């Protein structure tokens, strides 16, 4: 891997020298080399940013704990539901409530300001079947790593 990188660097260096010397009558070799370097950056940097950096970030997200990874997957599902014209309002409301519940579980308890404001209050969900209390957030969560493919929880399920 390193030897291949050095050989590519050497071949690029020789190619830039040859091109710069062949255009010596039009512009100085130093200016020609600078121009080629700027053009190379203008071509390579956007591709690096759009593809390589995004892939690196996705791989880094694989190291997220299970709760945050599950929340990320559910956010993508929520987005798909919101953009789908076929989904009813009632279904969107239910998915939103489940998303809030998963968020509380993934991120732990509420902030201290929110907890002080809501001390003694219960989270309730009103449905056609009646009023049900929403489970309290889990206080202590064991951190574990989970791959994206292992998350099968659904907002509608």
N, C-alpha and C. Protein backbone atom coordinates (compact mmCIF):
# COMPACT_ATOMS: atom_id res chain seq x y z
N UNK A 1 0.80 -1.20 0.00
CA UNK A 1 0.00 0.00 0.00
C UNK A 1 0.84 1.26 0.00
N UNK A 2 1.84 1.31 0.88
CA UNK A 2 2.69 2.51 0.96
C UNK A 2 3.56 2.63 -0.28
N UNK A 3 4.08 1.49 -0.77
CA UNK A 3 4.91 1.52 -1.97
C UNK A 3 4.11 1.97 -3.18
N UNK A 4 2.88 1.55 -3.27
CA UNK A 4 2.02 1.99 -4.37
C UNK A 4 1.80 3.49 -4.29
N UNK A 5 1.58 4.00 -3.09
CA UNK A 5 1.41 5.44 -2.91
C UNK A 5 2.65 6.22 -3.33
N UNK A 6 3.84 5.72 -2.95
CA UNK A 6 5.08 6.40 -3.34
C UNK A 6 5.29 6.35 -4.85
N UNK A 7 4.94 5.21 -5.46
CA UNK A 7 5.12 5.12 -6.91
C UNK A 7 4.17 6.07 -7.64
N UNK A 8 2.93 6.20 -7.16
CA UNK A 8 2.01 7.18 -7.76
C UNK A 8 2.52 8.59 -7.58
N UNK A 9 3.07 8.90 -6.42
CA UNK A 9 3.61 10.24 -6.18
C UNK A 9 4.75 10.54 -7.13
N UNK A 10 5.63 9.57 -7.33
CA UNK A 10 6.76 9.76 -8.25
C UNK A 10 6.28 9.94 -9.68
N UNK A 11 5.30 9.14 -10.09
CA UNK A 11 4.81 9.26 -11.48
C UNK A 11 4.12 10.60 -11.69
N UNK A 12 3.36 11.09 -10.71
CA UNK A 12 2.73 12.40 -10.84
C UNK A 12 3.79 13.50 -10.88
N UNK A 13 4.82 13.39 -10.07
CA UNK A 13 5.88 14.39 -10.05
C UNK A 13 6.58 14.47 -11.40
N UNK A 14 6.92 13.33 -11.98
CA UNK A 14 7.57 13.31 -13.29
C UNK A 14 6.64 13.86 -14.36
N UNK A 15 5.36 13.48 -14.32
CA UNK A 15 4.40 13.96 -15.31
C UNK A 15 4.24 15.48 -15.23
N UNK A 16 4.17 16.03 -14.03
CA UNK A 16 4.04 17.48 -13.88
C UNK A 16 5.29 18.18 -14.40
N UNK A 17 6.48 17.63 -14.12
CA UNK A 17 7.71 18.22 -14.64
C UNK A 17 7.74 18.22 -16.17
N UNK A 18 7.36 17.10 -16.79
CA UNK A 18 7.36 17.00 -18.25
C UNK A 18 6.39 18.00 -18.86
N UNK A 19 5.18 18.09 -18.33
CA UNK A 19 4.19 19.02 -18.86
C UNK A 19 4.65 20.46 -18.66
N UNK A 20 5.20 20.78 -17.52
CA UNK A 20 5.67 22.14 -17.23
C UNK A 20 6.81 22.53 -18.17
N UNK A 21 7.74 21.61 -18.42
CA UNK A 21 8.86 21.91 -19.31
C UNK A 21 8.42 22.01 -20.76
N UNK A 22 7.40 21.23 -21.16
CA UNK A 22 6.93 21.30 -22.55
C UNK A 22 6.18 22.60 -22.84
N UNK A 23 5.64 23.24 -21.81
CA UNK A 23 4.93 24.53 -21.98
C UNK A 23 5.80 25.71 -21.57
N UNK A 24 7.11 25.50 -21.55
CA UNK A 24 8.02 26.54 -21.05
C UNK A 24 7.97 27.81 -21.90
N UNK A 25 7.72 27.69 -23.20
CA UNK A 25 7.67 28.88 -24.05
C UNK A 25 6.40 29.71 -23.82
N UNK A 26 5.32 29.10 -23.32
CA UNK A 26 4.07 29.82 -23.05
C UNK A 26 4.05 30.47 -21.67
N UNK A 27 4.53 29.75 -20.66
CA UNK A 27 4.55 30.27 -19.28
C UNK A 27 5.69 29.64 -18.51
N UNK A 28 6.12 30.28 -17.45
CA UNK A 28 7.22 29.71 -16.65
C UNK A 28 6.82 28.38 -16.03
N UNK A 29 7.76 27.45 -15.87
CA UNK A 29 7.44 26.13 -15.30
C UNK A 29 6.83 26.21 -13.90
N UNK A 30 7.28 27.15 -13.08
CA UNK A 30 6.72 27.27 -11.72
C UNK A 30 5.24 27.63 -11.78
N UNK A 31 4.88 28.55 -12.67
CA UNK A 31 3.48 28.94 -12.81
C UNK A 31 2.65 27.78 -13.37
N UNK A 32 3.23 27.05 -14.30
CA UNK A 32 2.54 25.89 -14.88
C UNK A 32 2.28 24.81 -13.82
N UNK A 33 3.29 24.57 -12.96
CA UNK A 33 3.12 23.59 -11.89
C UNK A 33 2.05 24.04 -10.89
N UNK A 34 2.04 25.34 -10.57
CA UNK A 34 1.03 25.88 -9.65
C UNK A 34 -0.37 25.72 -10.24
N UNK A 35 -0.52 26.02 -11.51
CA UNK A 35 -1.81 25.91 -12.18
C UNK A 35 -2.31 24.47 -12.17
N UNK A 36 -1.42 23.53 -12.46
CA UNK A 36 -1.82 22.11 -12.45
C UNK A 36 -2.19 21.66 -11.03
N UNK A 37 -1.49 22.13 -10.03
CA UNK A 37 -1.80 21.78 -8.64
C UNK A 37 -3.18 22.29 -8.24
N UNK A 38 -3.48 23.53 -8.62
CA UNK A 38 -4.80 24.10 -8.30
C UNK A 38 -5.90 23.33 -9.02
N UNK A 39 -5.68 23.00 -10.29
CA UNK A 39 -6.68 22.23 -11.03
C UNK A 39 -6.90 20.85 -10.41
N UNK A 40 -5.82 20.22 -9.97
CA UNK A 40 -5.94 18.91 -9.33
C UNK A 40 -6.78 19.00 -8.06
N UNK A 41 -6.54 20.02 -7.25
CA UNK A 41 -7.32 20.20 -6.02
C UNK A 41 -8.79 20.48 -6.36
N UNK A 42 -9.05 21.29 -7.36
CA UNK A 42 -10.43 21.59 -7.75
C UNK A 42 -11.18 20.36 -8.24
N UNK A 43 -10.46 19.41 -8.78
CA UNK A 43 -11.11 18.19 -9.27
C UNK A 43 -11.24 17.15 -8.16
N UNK A 44 -10.18 16.96 -7.37
CA UNK A 44 -10.16 15.87 -6.40
C UNK A 44 -10.92 16.21 -5.12
N UNK A 45 -10.83 17.44 -4.63
CA UNK A 45 -11.43 17.78 -3.34
C UNK A 45 -12.95 17.56 -3.31
N UNK A 46 -13.72 18.03 -4.32
CA UNK A 46 -15.17 17.76 -4.25
C UNK A 46 -15.50 16.27 -4.25
N UNK A 47 -14.77 15.49 -5.03
CA UNK A 47 -15.03 14.04 -5.05
C UNK A 47 -14.71 13.43 -3.69
N UNK A 48 -13.61 13.86 -3.08
CA UNK A 48 -13.25 13.36 -1.75
C UNK A 48 -14.33 13.71 -0.74
N UNK A 49 -14.80 14.96 -0.80
CA UNK A 49 -15.79 15.41 0.17
C UNK A 49 -17.13 14.69 -0.01
N UNK A 50 -17.55 14.49 -1.25
CA UNK A 50 -18.85 13.89 -1.51
C UNK A 50 -18.87 12.38 -1.29
N UNK A 51 -17.78 11.69 -1.56
CA UNK A 51 -17.81 10.23 -1.52
C UNK A 51 -16.96 9.65 -0.39
N UNK A 52 -15.71 9.98 -0.35
CA UNK A 52 -14.82 9.36 0.63
C UNK A 52 -15.16 9.81 2.05
N UNK A 53 -15.34 11.10 2.26
CA UNK A 53 -15.66 11.61 3.59
C UNK A 53 -17.00 11.07 4.10
N UNK A 54 -18.00 11.02 3.21
CA UNK A 54 -19.31 10.49 3.60
C UNK A 54 -19.20 9.02 4.00
N UNK A 55 -18.45 8.25 3.24
CA UNK A 55 -18.27 6.83 3.57
C UNK A 55 -17.55 6.68 4.91
N UNK A 56 -16.55 7.50 5.16
CA UNK A 56 -15.83 7.46 6.43
C UNK A 56 -16.75 7.79 7.59
N UNK A 57 -17.61 8.77 7.42
CA UNK A 57 -18.55 9.12 8.48
C UNK A 57 -19.55 8.00 8.74
N UNK A 58 -20.02 7.36 7.66
CA UNK A 58 -20.95 6.24 7.83
C UNK A 58 -20.29 5.10 8.59
N UNK A 59 -19.02 4.83 8.28
CA UNK A 59 -18.31 3.77 8.99
C UNK A 59 -18.09 4.15 10.45
N UNK A 60 -17.86 5.42 10.72
CA UNK A 60 -17.67 5.86 12.11
C UNK A 60 -18.97 5.74 12.89
N UNK A 61 -20.11 5.92 12.21
CA UNK A 61 -21.40 5.80 12.89
C UNK A 61 -21.70 4.37 13.29
N UNK A 62 -21.02 3.40 12.66
CA UNK A 62 -21.21 2.01 13.06
C UNK A 62 -20.77 1.78 14.50
N UNK A 63 -19.93 2.68 15.02
CA UNK A 63 -19.43 2.54 16.38
C UNK A 63 -20.36 3.19 17.40
N UNK A 64 -21.50 3.72 16.96
CA UNK A 64 -22.44 4.33 17.89
C UNK A 64 -23.02 3.28 18.83
N UNK A 65 -23.46 3.72 19.99
CA UNK A 65 -24.10 2.77 20.88
C UNK A 65 -25.46 2.37 20.29
N UNK A 66 -26.01 1.31 20.80
CA UNK A 66 -27.23 0.74 20.23
C UNK A 66 -28.39 1.73 20.21
N UNK A 67 -28.57 2.49 21.28
CA UNK A 67 -29.68 3.43 21.36
C UNK A 67 -29.61 4.52 20.32
N UNK A 68 -28.44 5.11 20.16
CA UNK A 68 -28.29 6.19 19.17
C UNK A 68 -28.40 5.66 17.75
N UNK A 69 -27.88 4.47 17.50
CA UNK A 69 -27.98 3.89 16.17
C UNK A 69 -29.44 3.59 15.84
N UNK A 70 -30.16 3.06 16.82
CA UNK A 70 -31.59 2.78 16.62
C UNK A 70 -32.34 4.08 16.34
N UNK A 71 -32.00 5.13 17.06
CA UNK A 71 -32.64 6.43 16.86
C UNK A 71 -32.34 6.97 15.46
N UNK A 72 -31.13 6.77 14.97
CA UNK A 72 -30.78 7.23 13.62
C UNK A 72 -31.60 6.49 12.57
N UNK A 73 -31.75 5.20 12.72
CA UNK A 73 -32.54 4.41 11.77
C UNK A 73 -34.00 4.85 11.81
N UNK A 74 -34.52 5.09 13.01
CA UNK A 74 -35.91 5.50 13.14
C UNK A 74 -36.13 6.90 12.57
N UNK A 75 -35.14 7.76 12.65
CA UNK A 75 -35.25 9.08 12.04
C UNK A 75 -35.39 8.97 10.52
N UNK A 76 -34.64 8.04 9.94
CA UNK A 76 -34.76 7.82 8.50
C UNK A 76 -36.16 7.30 8.16
N UNK A 77 -36.71 6.41 8.98
CA UNK A 77 -38.06 5.91 8.76
C UNK A 77 -39.09 7.04 8.89
N UNK A 78 -38.89 7.90 9.90
CA UNK A 78 -39.80 9.02 10.11
C UNK A 78 -39.80 9.94 8.89
N UNK A 79 -38.62 10.20 8.34
CA UNK A 79 -38.50 11.04 7.15
C UNK A 79 -39.26 10.41 5.98
N UNK A 80 -39.10 9.11 5.79
CA UNK A 80 -39.80 8.43 4.70
C UNK A 80 -41.31 8.51 4.88
N UNK A 81 -41.78 8.36 6.12
CA UNK A 81 -43.22 8.46 6.38
C UNK A 81 -43.74 9.86 6.07
N UNK A 82 -42.99 10.88 6.47
CA UNK A 82 -43.43 12.25 6.25
C UNK A 82 -43.49 12.60 4.77
N UNK A 83 -42.62 12.02 3.97
CA UNK A 83 -42.59 12.33 2.55
C UNK A 83 -43.56 11.49 1.73
N UNK A 84 -44.15 10.50 2.33
CA UNK A 84 -45.09 9.61 1.64
C UNK A 84 -46.50 10.19 1.72
N UNK A 85 -47.10 10.51 0.58
CA UNK A 85 -48.44 11.09 0.56
C UNK A 85 -49.52 10.09 0.96
N UNK A 86 -49.21 8.82 0.88
CA UNK A 86 -50.19 7.77 1.16
C UNK A 86 -50.42 7.56 2.67
N UNK A 87 -49.52 8.03 3.51
CA UNK A 87 -49.59 7.79 4.94
C UNK A 87 -50.62 8.74 5.57
N UNK A 88 -51.50 8.18 6.39
CA UNK A 88 -52.54 8.98 7.03
C UNK A 88 -51.96 9.80 8.19
N UNK A 89 -52.67 10.86 8.55
CA UNK A 89 -52.26 11.74 9.65
C UNK A 89 -52.18 10.97 10.96
N UNK A 90 -53.12 10.10 11.19
CA UNK A 90 -53.16 9.31 12.43
C UNK A 90 -51.90 8.46 12.55
N UNK A 91 -51.48 7.88 11.45
CA UNK A 91 -50.28 7.05 11.44
C UNK A 91 -49.04 7.91 11.71
N UNK A 92 -49.00 9.11 11.13
CA UNK A 92 -47.89 10.03 11.38
C UNK A 92 -47.82 10.42 12.85
N UNK A 93 -48.99 10.68 13.45
CA UNK A 93 -49.03 11.05 14.86
C UNK A 93 -48.50 9.93 15.75
N UNK A 94 -48.93 8.70 15.45
CA UNK A 94 -48.47 7.55 16.23
C UNK A 94 -46.95 7.36 16.06
N UNK A 95 -46.47 7.50 14.83
CA UNK A 95 -45.03 7.35 14.58
C UNK A 95 -44.25 8.43 15.31
N UNK A 96 -44.79 9.64 15.35
CA UNK A 96 -44.12 10.73 16.06
C UNK A 96 -44.03 10.44 17.57
N UNK A 97 -45.11 9.94 18.14
CA UNK A 97 -45.09 9.61 19.57
C UNK A 97 -44.09 8.50 19.87
N UNK A 98 -44.05 7.49 18.99
CA UNK A 98 -43.08 6.42 19.20
C UNK A 98 -41.65 6.95 19.06
N UNK A 99 -41.45 7.87 18.11
CA UNK A 99 -40.13 8.45 17.94
C UNK A 99 -39.69 9.19 19.21
N UNK A 100 -40.62 9.94 19.82
CA UNK A 100 -40.29 10.64 21.06
C UNK A 100 -39.93 9.66 22.17
N UNK A 101 -40.68 8.57 22.23
CA UNK A 101 -40.40 7.56 23.26
C UNK A 101 -39.01 6.94 23.04
N UNK A 102 -38.69 6.58 21.80
CA UNK A 102 -37.38 6.01 21.50
C UNK A 102 -36.27 7.01 21.79
N UNK A 103 -36.54 8.29 21.54
CA UNK A 103 -35.54 9.33 21.81
C UNK A 103 -35.25 9.41 23.31
N UNK A 104 -36.31 9.36 24.11
CA UNK A 104 -36.11 9.38 25.57
C UNK A 104 -35.29 8.17 26.02
N UNK A 105 -35.58 7.02 25.45
CA UNK A 105 -34.84 5.81 25.81
C UNK A 105 -33.38 5.89 25.36
N UNK A 106 -33.15 6.36 24.15
CA UNK A 106 -31.80 6.39 23.61
C UNK A 106 -30.91 7.42 24.29
N UNK A 107 -31.48 8.58 24.61
CA UNK A 107 -30.69 9.66 25.19
C UNK A 107 -30.75 9.70 26.70
N UNK A 108 -31.51 8.83 27.31
CA UNK A 108 -31.61 8.81 28.76
C UNK A 108 -32.69 9.74 29.24
N UNK A 109 -32.62 10.11 30.50
CA UNK A 109 -33.66 10.94 31.10
C UNK A 109 -33.63 12.35 30.54
N UNK A 110 -34.68 13.10 30.82
CA UNK A 110 -34.80 14.48 30.36
C UNK A 110 -33.76 15.36 31.03
N UNK A 111 -33.59 16.56 30.51
CA UNK A 111 -32.67 17.51 31.13
C UNK A 111 -33.19 17.90 32.51
N UNK A 112 -32.32 18.46 33.33
CA UNK A 112 -32.73 18.82 34.69
C UNK A 112 -33.79 19.91 34.67
N UNK A 113 -33.71 20.85 33.73
CA UNK A 113 -34.72 21.91 33.64
C UNK A 113 -36.08 21.31 33.29
N UNK A 114 -36.10 20.38 32.36
CA UNK A 114 -37.35 19.74 31.96
C UNK A 114 -37.88 18.87 33.09
N UNK A 115 -36.98 18.17 33.78
CA UNK A 115 -37.42 17.31 34.88
C UNK A 115 -38.03 18.13 36.01
N UNK A 116 -37.42 19.29 36.32
CA UNK A 116 -37.96 20.15 37.39
C UNK A 116 -39.32 20.70 36.99
N UNK A 117 -39.47 21.04 35.72
CA UNK A 117 -40.74 21.59 35.22
C UNK A 117 -41.84 20.54 35.27
N UNK A 118 -41.48 19.30 34.97
CA UNK A 118 -42.48 18.24 34.86
C UNK A 118 -42.49 17.30 36.06
N UNK A 119 -41.95 17.71 37.19
CA UNK A 119 -41.90 16.85 38.37
C UNK A 119 -43.31 16.45 38.77
N UNK A 120 -43.51 15.16 38.94
CA UNK A 120 -44.81 14.66 39.36
C UNK A 120 -45.79 14.43 38.21
N UNK A 121 -45.43 14.81 37.02
CA UNK A 121 -46.32 14.62 35.87
C UNK A 121 -46.03 13.30 35.19
N UNK A 122 -47.03 12.79 34.50
CA UNK A 122 -46.87 11.54 33.78
C UNK A 122 -47.04 11.81 32.29
N UNK A 123 -46.34 11.00 31.49
CA UNK A 123 -46.49 11.06 30.04
C UNK A 123 -47.66 10.14 29.67
N UNK A 124 -48.67 10.67 29.03
CA UNK A 124 -49.84 9.88 28.65
C UNK A 124 -50.02 9.90 27.14
N UNK A 125 -50.57 8.79 26.63
CA UNK A 125 -50.88 8.69 25.21
C UNK A 125 -52.38 8.44 25.10
N UNK A 126 -53.06 9.30 24.35
CA UNK A 126 -54.49 9.16 24.16
C UNK A 126 -54.72 8.44 22.84
N UNK A 127 -55.41 7.32 22.90
CA UNK A 127 -55.71 6.55 21.70
C UNK A 127 -57.20 6.25 21.66
N UNK A 128 -57.62 5.61 20.58
CA UNK A 128 -59.02 5.20 20.46
C UNK A 128 -59.38 4.22 21.57
N UNK A 129 -58.42 3.41 21.97
CA UNK A 129 -58.65 2.42 23.01
C UNK A 129 -58.62 2.99 24.42
N UNK A 130 -58.29 4.25 24.57
CA UNK A 130 -58.25 4.86 25.89
C UNK A 130 -56.95 5.61 26.12
N UNK A 131 -56.70 5.91 27.38
CA UNK A 131 -55.50 6.65 27.77
C UNK A 131 -54.51 5.67 28.39
N UNK A 132 -53.28 5.71 27.91
CA UNK A 132 -52.25 4.81 28.41
C UNK A 132 -51.03 5.61 28.82
N UNK A 133 -50.40 5.20 29.93
CA UNK A 133 -49.19 5.89 30.37
C UNK A 133 -48.01 5.43 29.54
N UNK A 134 -47.19 6.37 29.11
CA UNK A 134 -45.98 6.06 28.35
C UNK A 134 -44.91 5.64 29.35
N UNK A 135 -44.17 4.62 28.99
CA UNK A 135 -43.15 4.11 29.90
C UNK A 135 -42.13 5.19 30.21
N UNK A 136 -41.66 5.18 31.45
CA UNK A 136 -40.62 6.12 31.86
C UNK A 136 -39.32 5.76 31.17
N UNK A 137 -38.46 6.74 30.90
CA UNK A 137 -37.19 6.44 30.24
C UNK A 137 -36.30 5.58 31.13
N UNK A 138 -35.53 4.74 30.50
CA UNK A 138 -34.62 3.87 31.22
C UNK A 138 -33.45 4.71 31.71
N UNK A 139 -33.17 4.68 33.01
CA UNK A 139 -32.14 5.54 33.59
C UNK A 139 -30.73 5.07 33.24
N UNK A 140 -30.45 3.80 33.45
CA UNK A 140 -29.09 3.32 33.17
C UNK A 140 -29.14 2.41 31.96
N UNK A 141 -28.39 2.79 30.96
CA UNK A 141 -28.34 2.00 29.74
C UNK A 141 -26.94 1.44 29.57
N UNK A 142 -26.86 0.17 29.28
CA UNK A 142 -25.57 -0.44 29.01
C UNK A 142 -25.17 -0.09 27.59
N UNK A 143 -23.99 0.45 27.40
CA UNK A 143 -23.52 0.84 26.07
C UNK A 143 -23.07 -0.43 25.35
N UNK A 144 -23.57 -0.58 24.14
CA UNK A 144 -23.19 -1.71 23.32
C UNK A 144 -23.08 -1.23 21.88
N UNK A 145 -22.31 -1.96 21.10
CA UNK A 145 -22.21 -1.60 19.70
C UNK A 145 -23.10 -2.53 18.91
N UNK A 146 -23.79 -1.97 17.94
CA UNK A 146 -24.71 -2.72 17.11
C UNK A 146 -24.51 -2.28 15.67
N UNK A 147 -24.50 -3.20 14.77
CA UNK A 147 -24.38 -2.86 13.36
C UNK A 147 -25.73 -2.39 12.84
N UNK A 148 -25.68 -1.55 11.82
CA UNK A 148 -26.88 -0.96 11.22
C UNK A 148 -27.85 -2.05 10.76
N UNK A 149 -27.33 -3.15 10.24
CA UNK A 149 -28.19 -4.21 9.72
C UNK A 149 -28.94 -4.95 10.81
N UNK A 150 -28.53 -4.82 12.06
CA UNK A 150 -29.17 -5.54 13.16
C UNK A 150 -30.39 -4.81 13.70
N UNK A 151 -30.58 -3.56 13.33
CA UNK A 151 -31.71 -2.77 13.82
C UNK A 151 -32.93 -3.09 12.97
N UNK A 152 -33.97 -3.65 13.59
CA UNK A 152 -35.16 -4.02 12.84
C UNK A 152 -36.41 -3.35 13.40
N UNK A 153 -36.25 -2.51 14.39
CA UNK A 153 -37.38 -1.83 15.02
C UNK A 153 -38.05 -0.91 14.01
N UNK A 154 -39.35 -0.81 14.06
CA UNK A 154 -40.07 0.04 13.13
C UNK A 154 -40.95 1.00 13.89
N UNK A 155 -41.15 2.17 13.33
CA UNK A 155 -42.04 3.14 13.94
C UNK A 155 -43.50 2.71 13.84
N UNK A 156 -43.82 1.89 12.87
CA UNK A 156 -45.22 1.47 12.68
C UNK A 156 -45.52 0.14 13.36
N UNK A 157 -44.49 -0.58 13.78
CA UNK A 157 -44.67 -1.92 14.31
C UNK A 157 -44.99 -2.02 15.72
